[in-house]
């Protein structure tokens, strides 16, 4: 990704920039509609401009953009 289109990928391949949406956990909110997320394989910066999120939320990310906030169900599983 480029700075003009969204968060800049700092590694050779970002998990959240792939062809599928992935579940990640919000670690820290940043200015300008961005957040640092834990992918389970490391930390990445993604856009959260389209959703309302808080630190600790689990979100669904596609192409570096958060597209949904996932809610835990009573069994502790995260669902949409």
PDB file of N, CA and C in Angstrom:
ATOM      1  N   UNK A   1       0.849  -1.186   0.000  1.00  0.00           N
ATOM      2  CA  UNK A   1       0.000   0.000   0.000  1.00  0.00           C
ATOM      3  C   UNK A   1       0.885   1.235   0.000  1.00  0.00           C
ATOM      4  N   UNK A   2       0.324   2.306  -0.485  1.00  0.00           N
ATOM      5  CA  UNK A   2       1.041   3.562  -0.482  1.00  0.00           C
ATOM      6  C   UNK A   2       0.448   4.488   0.563  1.00  0.00           C
ATOM      7  N   UNK A   3       1.164   5.523   0.879  1.00  0.00           N
ATOM      8  CA  UNK A   3       0.664   6.476   1.872  1.00  0.00           C
ATOM      9  C   UNK A   3      -0.630   7.129   1.393  1.00  0.00           C
ATOM     10  N   UNK A   4      -0.790   7.285   0.055  1.00  0.00           N
ATOM     11  CA  UNK A   4      -1.997   7.908  -0.482  1.00  0.00           C
ATOM     12  C   UNK A   4      -3.217   7.000  -0.355  1.00  0.00           C
ATOM     13  N   UNK A   5      -3.019   5.684  -0.445  1.00  0.00           N
ATOM     14  CA  UNK A   5      -4.165   4.770  -0.435  1.00  0.00           C
ATOM     15  C   UNK A   5      -4.470   4.200   0.936  1.00  0.00           C
ATOM     16  N   UNK A   6      -3.626   4.412   1.907  1.00  0.00           N
ATOM     17  CA  UNK A   6      -3.877   3.885   3.235  1.00  0.00           C
ATOM     18  C   UNK A   6      -2.583   3.611   3.969  1.00  0.00           C
ATOM     19  N   UNK A   7      -2.628   2.747   4.984  1.00  0.00           N
ATOM     20  CA  UNK A   7      -1.442   2.446   5.770  1.00  0.00           C
ATOM     21  C   UNK A   7      -0.322   1.894   4.892  1.00  0.00           C
ATOM     22  N   UNK A   8       0.899   2.210   5.252  1.00  0.00           N
ATOM     23  CA  UNK A   8       2.057   1.744   4.502  1.00  0.00           C
ATOM     24  C   UNK A   8       2.541   0.428   5.099  1.00  0.00           C
ATOM     25  N   UNK A   9       2.652  -0.590   4.257  1.00  0.00           N
ATOM     26  CA  UNK A   9       3.168  -1.884   4.702  1.00  0.00           C
ATOM     27  C   UNK A   9       4.678  -1.768   4.880  1.00  0.00           C
ATOM     28  N   UNK A  10       5.185  -2.239   6.007  1.00  0.00           N
ATOM     29  CA  UNK A  10       6.608  -2.124   6.285  1.00  0.00           C
ATOM     30  C   UNK A  10       7.348  -3.429   6.094  1.00  0.00           C
ATOM     31  N   UNK A  11       6.641  -4.497   5.766  1.00  0.00           N
ATOM     32  CA  UNK A  11       7.290  -5.779   5.523  1.00  0.00           C
ATOM     33  C   UNK A  11       7.008  -6.208   4.091  1.00  0.00           C
ATOM     34  N   UNK A  12       7.628  -7.306   3.687  1.00  0.00           N
ATOM     35  CA  UNK A  12       7.439  -7.805   2.332  1.00  0.00           C
ATOM     36  C   UNK A  12       5.987  -8.192   2.066  1.00  0.00           C
ATOM     37  N   UNK A  13       5.282  -8.719   3.091  1.00  0.00           N
ATOM     38  CA  UNK A  13       3.891  -9.123   2.927  1.00  0.00           C
ATOM     39  C   UNK A  13       3.136  -8.847   4.221  1.00  0.00           C
ATOM     40  N   UNK A  14       2.075  -8.062   4.114  1.00  0.00           N
ATOM     41  CA  UNK A  14       1.214  -7.783   5.263  1.00  0.00           C
ATOM     42  C   UNK A  14       0.032  -8.730   5.237  1.00  0.00           C
ATOM     43  N   UNK A  15      -0.238  -9.376   6.343  1.00  0.00           N
ATOM     44  CA  UNK A  15      -1.375 -10.287   6.438  1.00  0.00           C
ATOM     45  C   UNK A  15      -2.682  -9.572   6.125  1.00  0.00           C
ATOM     46  N   UNK A  16      -2.818  -8.347   6.602  1.00  0.00           N
ATOM     47  CA  UNK A  16      -4.078  -7.625   6.437  1.00  0.00           C
ATOM     48  C   UNK A  16      -4.232  -7.015   5.051  1.00  0.00           C
ATOM     49  N   UNK A  17      -3.231  -7.099   4.192  1.00  0.00           N
ATOM     50  CA  UNK A  17      -3.329  -6.569   2.821  1.00  0.00           C
ATOM     51  C   UNK A  17      -3.608  -7.674   1.811  1.00  0.00           C
ATOM     52  N   UNK A  18      -3.857  -8.890   2.263  1.00  0.00           N
ATOM     53  CA  UNK A  18      -4.071 -10.016   1.369  1.00  0.00           C
ATOM     54  C   UNK A  18      -5.432  -9.998   0.695  1.00  0.00           C
ATOM     55  N   UNK A  19      -5.718 -11.074  -0.013  1.00  0.00           N
ATOM     56  CA  UNK A  19      -6.954 -11.194  -0.785  1.00  0.00           C
ATOM     57  C   UNK A  19      -8.156 -11.616   0.047  1.00  0.00           C
ATOM     58  N   UNK A  20      -7.981 -11.966   1.303  1.00  0.00           N
ATOM     59  CA  UNK A  20      -9.083 -12.398   2.157  1.00  0.00           C
ATOM     60  C   UNK A  20      -9.163 -11.494   3.380  1.00  0.00           C
ATOM     61  N   UNK A  21     -10.338 -11.421   3.982  1.00  0.00           N
ATOM     62  CA  UNK A  21     -10.505 -10.664   5.218  1.00  0.00           C
ATOM     63  C   UNK A  21     -10.010 -11.514   6.386  1.00  0.00           C
ATOM     64  N   UNK A  22      -9.368 -10.877   7.356  1.00  0.00           N
ATOM     65  CA  UNK A  22      -8.842 -11.594   8.517  1.00  0.00           C
ATOM     66  C   UNK A  22      -9.315 -10.925   9.805  1.00  0.00           C
ATOM     67  N   UNK A  23      -9.433 -11.738  10.856  1.00  0.00           N
ATOM     68  CA  UNK A  23      -9.781 -11.223  12.179  1.00  0.00           C
ATOM     69  C   UNK A  23      -8.496 -10.798  12.878  1.00  0.00           C
ATOM     70  N   UNK A  24      -8.505  -9.600  13.445  1.00  0.00           N
ATOM     71  CA  UNK A  24      -7.366  -9.082  14.200  1.00  0.00           C
ATOM     72  C   UNK A  24      -7.887  -8.368  15.436  1.00  0.00           C
ATOM     73  N   UNK A  25      -7.004  -8.132  16.396  1.00  0.00           N
ATOM     74  CA  UNK A  25      -7.384  -7.434  17.635  1.00  0.00           C
ATOM     75  C   UNK A  25      -6.734  -6.065  17.651  1.00  0.00           C
ATOM     76  N   UNK A  26      -7.505  -5.024  17.995  1.00  0.00           N
ATOM     77  CA  UNK A  26      -7.001  -3.659  18.054  1.00  0.00           C
ATOM     78  C   UNK A  26      -6.132  -3.503  19.298  1.00  0.00           C
ATOM     79  N   UNK A  27      -4.885  -3.112  19.086  1.00  0.00           N
ATOM     80  CA  UNK A  27      -3.932  -2.917  20.180  1.00  0.00           C
ATOM     81  C   UNK A  27      -3.887  -1.454  20.606  1.00  0.00           C
ATOM     82  N   UNK A  28      -3.910  -0.561  19.619  1.00  0.00           N
ATOM     83  CA  UNK A  28      -3.776   0.870  19.927  1.00  0.00           C
ATOM     84  C   UNK A  28      -4.425   1.678  18.804  1.00  0.00           C
ATOM     85  N   UNK A  29      -5.160   2.701  19.173  1.00  0.00           N
ATOM     86  CA  UNK A  29      -5.731   3.623  18.197  1.00  0.00           C
ATOM     87  C   UNK A  29      -4.731   4.734  17.922  1.00  0.00           C
ATOM     88  N   UNK A  30      -4.625   5.114  16.661  1.00  0.00           N
ATOM     89  CA  UNK A  30      -3.722   6.168  16.219  1.00  0.00           C
ATOM     90  C   UNK A  30      -4.545   7.316  15.648  1.00  0.00           C
ATOM     91  N   UNK A  31      -3.915   8.481  15.458  1.00  0.00           N
ATOM     92  CA  UNK A  31      -4.638   9.589  14.823  1.00  0.00           C
ATOM     93  C   UNK A  31      -4.999   9.244  13.371  1.00  0.00           C
ATOM     94  N   UNK A  32      -5.877  10.038  12.790  1.00  0.00           N
ATOM     95  CA  UNK A  32      -6.239   9.963  11.375  1.00  0.00           C
ATOM     96  C   UNK A  32      -6.902   8.656  10.963  1.00  0.00           C
ATOM     97  N   UNK A  33      -7.694   8.058  11.858  1.00  0.00           N
ATOM     98  CA  UNK A  33      -8.453   6.866  11.500  1.00  0.00           C
ATOM     99  C   UNK A  33      -7.629   5.619  11.301  1.00  0.00           C
ATOM    100  N   UNK A  34      -6.520   5.518  11.999  1.00  0.00           N
ATOM    101  CA  UNK A  34      -5.652   4.344  11.903  1.00  0.00           C
ATOM    102  C   UNK A  34      -5.579   3.634  13.244  1.00  0.00           C
ATOM    103  N   UNK A  35      -5.162   2.364  13.206  1.00  0.00           N
ATOM    104  CA  UNK A  35      -4.982   1.591  14.434  1.00  0.00           C
ATOM    105  C   UNK A  35      -3.856   0.593  14.234  1.00  0.00           C
ATOM    106  N   UNK A  36      -3.209   0.246  15.331  1.00  0.00           N
ATOM    107  CA  UNK A  36      -2.245  -0.854  15.346  1.00  0.00           C
ATOM    108  C   UNK A  36      -3.020  -2.078  15.784  1.00  0.00           C
ATOM    109  N   UNK A  37      -2.890  -3.176  15.016  1.00  0.00           N
ATOM    110  CA  UNK A  37      -3.618  -4.407  15.316  1.00  0.00           C
ATOM    111  C   UNK A  37      -2.645  -5.565  15.474  1.00  0.00           C
ATOM    112  N   UNK A  38      -3.076  -6.556  16.257  1.00  0.00           N
ATOM    113  CA  UNK A  38      -2.324  -7.792  16.429  1.00  0.00           C
ATOM    114  C   UNK A  38      -2.919  -8.834  15.496  1.00  0.00           C
ATOM    115  N   UNK A  39      -2.119  -9.305  14.547  1.00  0.00           N
ATOM    116  CA  UNK A  39      -2.593 -10.282  13.569  1.00  0.00           C
ATOM    117  C   UNK A  39      -2.392 -11.718  14.037  1.00  0.00           C
ATOM    118  N   UNK A  40      -1.732 -11.894  15.162  1.00  0.00           N
ATOM    119  CA  UNK A  40      -1.357 -13.232  15.603  1.00  0.00           C
ATOM    120  C   UNK A  40       0.017 -13.608  15.076  1.00  0.00           C
ATOM    121  N   UNK A  41       0.483 -12.864  14.077  1.00  0.00           N
ATOM    122  CA  UNK A  41       1.819 -13.070  13.512  1.00  0.00           C
ATOM    123  C   UNK A  41       2.672 -11.822  13.676  1.00  0.00           C
ATOM    124  N   UNK A  42       2.129 -10.815  14.345  1.00  0.00           N
ATOM    125  CA  UNK A  42       2.839  -9.557  14.545  1.00  0.00           C
ATOM    126  C   UNK A  42       1.863  -8.400  14.553  1.00  0.00           C
ATOM    127  N   UNK A  43       2.413  -7.205  14.621  1.00  0.00           N
ATOM    128  CA  UNK A  43       1.600  -5.992  14.646  1.00  0.00           C
ATOM    129  C   UNK A  43       1.604  -5.346  13.276  1.00  0.00           C
ATOM    130  N   UNK A  44       0.449  -4.815  12.881  1.00  0.00           N
ATOM    131  CA  UNK A  44       0.320  -4.088  11.622  1.00  0.00           C
ATOM    132  C   UNK A  44      -0.543  -2.865  11.843  1.00  0.00           C
ATOM    133  N   UNK A  45      -0.389  -1.889  10.979  1.00  0.00           N
ATOM    134  CA  UNK A  45      -1.192  -0.680  11.009  1.00  0.00           C
ATOM    135  C   UNK A  45      -2.268  -0.791   9.931  1.00  0.00           C
ATOM    136  N   UNK A  46      -3.519  -0.529  10.312  1.00  0.00           N
ATOM    137  CA  UNK A  46      -4.635  -0.599   9.369  1.00  0.00           C
ATOM    138  C   UNK A  46      -5.512   0.630   9.525  1.00  0.00           C
ATOM    139  N   UNK A  47      -6.340   0.870   8.529  1.00  0.00           N
ATOM    140  CA  UNK A  47      -7.318   1.947   8.598  1.00  0.00           C
ATOM    141  C   UNK A  47      -8.569   1.450   9.320  1.00  0.00           C
ATOM    142  N   UNK A  48      -9.081   2.278  10.228  1.00  0.00           N
ATOM    143  CA  UNK A  48     -10.345   1.976  10.910  1.00  0.00           C
ATOM    144  C   UNK A  48     -11.344   3.109  10.667  1.00  0.00           C
ATOM    145  N   UNK A  49     -11.159   3.805   9.562  1.00  0.00           N
ATOM    146  CA  UNK A  49     -11.984   4.971   9.248  1.00  0.00           C
ATOM    147  C   UNK A  49     -13.445   4.631   9.003  1.00  0.00           C
ATOM    148  N   UNK A  50     -13.743   3.393   8.589  1.00  0.00           N
ATOM    149  CA  UNK A  50     -15.121   3.025   8.247  1.00  0.00           C
ATOM    150  C   UNK A  50     -15.911   2.427   9.400  1.00  0.00           C
ATOM    151  N   UNK A  51     -15.247   2.161  10.537  1.00  0.00           N
ATOM    152  CA  UNK A  51     -15.920   1.518  11.669  1.00  0.00           C
ATOM    153  C   UNK A  51     -15.577   2.244  12.958  1.00  0.00           C
ATOM    154  N   UNK A  52     -16.428   2.072  13.973  1.00  0.00           N
ATOM    155  CA  UNK A  52     -16.149   2.622  15.302  1.00  0.00           C
ATOM    156  C   UNK A  52     -15.536   1.514  16.143  1.00  0.00           C
ATOM    157  N   UNK A  53     -14.286   1.699  16.561  1.00  0.00           N
ATOM    158  CA  UNK A  53     -13.579   0.663  17.305  1.00  0.00           C
ATOM    159  C   UNK A  53     -12.976   1.226  18.576  1.00  0.00           C
ATOM    160  N   UNK A  54     -12.652   0.314  19.478  1.00  0.00           N
ATOM    161  CA  UNK A  54     -11.956   0.650  20.716  1.00  0.00           C
ATOM    162  C   UNK A  54     -10.805  -0.339  20.885  1.00  0.00           C
ATOM    163  N   UNK A  55      -9.846   0.037  21.677  1.00  0.00           N
ATOM    164  CA  UNK A  55      -8.750  -0.863  21.990  1.00  0.00           C
ATOM    165  C   UNK A  55      -9.319  -2.156  22.573  1.00  0.00           C
ATOM    166  N   UNK A  56      -8.828  -3.287  22.074  1.00  0.00           N
ATOM    167  CA  UNK A  56      -9.296  -4.582  22.533  1.00  0.00           C
ATOM    168  C   UNK A  56     -10.354  -5.203  21.648  1.00  0.00           C
ATOM    169  N   UNK A  57     -10.986  -4.405  20.773  1.00  0.00           N
ATOM    170  CA  UNK A  57     -11.999  -4.942  19.858  1.00  0.00           C
ATOM    171  C   UNK A  57     -11.363  -5.911  18.862  1.00  0.00           C
ATOM    172  N   UNK A  58     -12.149  -6.884  18.430  1.00  0.00           N
ATOM    173  CA  UNK A  58     -11.753  -7.752  17.333  1.00  0.00           C
ATOM    174  C   UNK A  58     -12.460  -7.242  16.097  1.00  0.00           C
ATOM    175  N   UNK A  59     -11.678  -7.028  15.036  1.00  0.00           N
ATOM    176  CA  UNK A  59     -12.240  -6.475  13.812  1.00  0.00           C
ATOM    177  C   UNK A  59     -11.903  -7.367  12.626  1.00  0.00           C
ATOM    178  N   UNK A  60     -12.675  -7.214  11.569  1.00  0.00           N
ATOM    179  CA  UNK A  60     -12.436  -7.917  10.322  1.00  0.00           C
ATOM    180  C   UNK A  60     -11.781  -6.923   9.372  1.00  0.00           C
ATOM    181  N   UNK A  61     -10.608  -7.287   8.830  1.00  0.00           N
ATOM    182  CA  UNK A  61      -9.840  -6.380   7.985  1.00  0.00           C
ATOM    183  C   UNK A  61      -9.637  -7.005   6.608  1.00  0.00           C
ATOM    184  N   UNK A  62      -9.875  -6.211   5.574  1.00  0.00           N
ATOM    185  CA  UNK A  62      -9.620  -6.631   4.196  1.00  0.00           C
ATOM    186  C   UNK A  62      -8.874  -5.508   3.487  1.00  0.00           C
ATOM    187  N   UNK A  63      -7.775  -5.854   2.834  1.00  0.00           N
ATOM    188  CA  UNK A  63      -6.981  -4.889   2.071  1.00  0.00           C
ATOM    189  C   UNK A  63      -6.558  -3.689   2.921  1.00  0.00           C
ATOM    190  N   UNK A  64      -6.225  -3.947   4.190  1.00  0.00           N
ATOM    191  CA  UNK A  64      -5.748  -2.891   5.073  1.00  0.00           C
ATOM    192  C   UNK A  64      -6.824  -1.993   5.642  1.00  0.00           C
ATOM    193  N   UNK A  65      -8.087  -2.336   5.410  1.00  0.00           N
ATOM    194  CA  UNK A  65      -9.220  -1.522   5.868  1.00  0.00           C
ATOM    195  C   UNK A  65     -10.142  -2.348   6.757  1.00  0.00           C
ATOM    196  N   UNK A  66     -10.426  -1.856   7.963  1.00  0.00           N
ATOM    197  CA  UNK A  66     -11.387  -2.526   8.841  1.00  0.00           C
ATOM    198  C   UNK A  66     -12.768  -2.398   8.222  1.00  0.00           C
ATOM    199  N   UNK A  67     -13.467  -3.546   8.078  1.00  0.00           N
ATOM    200  CA  UNK A  67     -14.783  -3.523   7.451  1.00  0.00           C
ATOM    201  C   UNK A  67     -15.905  -3.924   8.405  1.00  0.00           C
ATOM    202  N   UNK A  68     -15.553  -4.447   9.591  1.00  0.00           N
ATOM    203  CA  UNK A  68     -16.581  -4.823  10.563  1.00  0.00           C
ATOM    204  C   UNK A  68     -15.952  -5.006  11.936  1.00  0.00           C
ATOM    205  N   UNK A  69     -16.752  -4.717  12.963  1.00  0.00           N
ATOM    206  CA  UNK A  69     -16.360  -5.019  14.338  1.00  0.00           C
ATOM    207  C   UNK A  69     -17.063  -6.317  14.704  1.00  0.00           C
ATOM    208  N   UNK A  70     -16.323  -7.279  15.204  1.00  0.00           N
ATOM    209  CA  UNK A  70     -16.882  -8.586  15.560  1.00  0.00           C
ATOM    210  C   UNK A  70     -17.194  -8.615  17.042  1.00  0.00           C
ATOM    211  N   UNK A  71     -18.323  -9.187  17.392  1.00  0.00           N
ATOM    212  CA  UNK A  71     -18.786  -9.240  18.777  1.00  0.00           C
ATOM    213  C   UNK A  71     -18.594 -10.641  19.347  1.00  0.00           C
ATOM    214  N   UNK A  72     -18.125 -10.768  20.597  1.00  0.00           N
ATOM    215  CA  UNK A  72     -18.041 -12.103  21.206  1.00  0.00           C
ATOM    216  C   UNK A  72     -19.432 -12.620  21.544  1.00  0.00           C
ATOM    217  N   UNK A  73     -19.677 -13.912  21.286  1.00  0.00           N
ATOM    218  CA  UNK A  73     -20.959 -14.505  21.675  1.00  0.00           C
ATOM    219  C   UNK A  73     -20.841 -15.024  23.113  1.00  0.00           C
ATOM    220  N   UNK A  74     -21.907 -15.501  23.708  1.00  0.00           N
ATOM    221  CA  UNK A  74     -21.856 -15.940  25.101  1.00  0.00           C
ATOM    222  C   UNK A  74     -20.833 -17.045  25.369  1.00  0.00           C
ATOM    223  N   UNK A  75     -20.486 -17.848  24.370  1.00  0.00           N
ATOM    224  CA  UNK A  75     -19.501 -18.918  24.546  1.00  0.00           C
ATOM    225  C   UNK A  75     -18.077 -18.402  24.421  1.00  0.00           C
ATOM    226  N   UNK A  76     -17.917 -17.097  24.150  1.00  0.00           N
ATOM    227  CA  UNK A  76     -16.600 -16.518  24.039  1.00  0.00           C
ATOM    228  C   UNK A  76     -16.037 -16.514  22.631  1.00  0.00           C
ATOM    229  N   UNK A  77     -16.788 -17.083  21.680  1.00  0.00           N
ATOM    230  CA  UNK A  77     -16.358 -17.083  20.285  1.00  0.00           C
ATOM    231  C   UNK A  77     -16.650 -15.701  19.703  1.00  0.00           C
ATOM    232  N   UNK A  78     -15.816 -15.256  18.783  1.00  0.00           N
ATOM    233  CA  UNK A  78     -16.035 -13.968  18.138  1.00  0.00           C
ATOM    234  C   UNK A  78     -16.856 -14.201  16.884  1.00  0.00           C
ATOM    235  N   UNK A  79     -17.961 -13.420  16.754  1.00  0.00           N
ATOM    236  CA  UNK A  79     -18.845 -13.548  15.597  1.00  0.00           C
ATOM    237  C   UNK A  79     -19.142 -12.178  15.033  1.00  0.00           C
ATOM    238  N   UNK A  80     -19.684 -12.165  13.854  1.00  0.00           N
ATOM    239  CA  UNK A  80     -20.029 -10.904  13.208  1.00  0.00           C
ATOM    240  C   UNK A  80     -21.372 -10.416  13.662  1.00  0.00           C
TER     241      UNK A  80
END
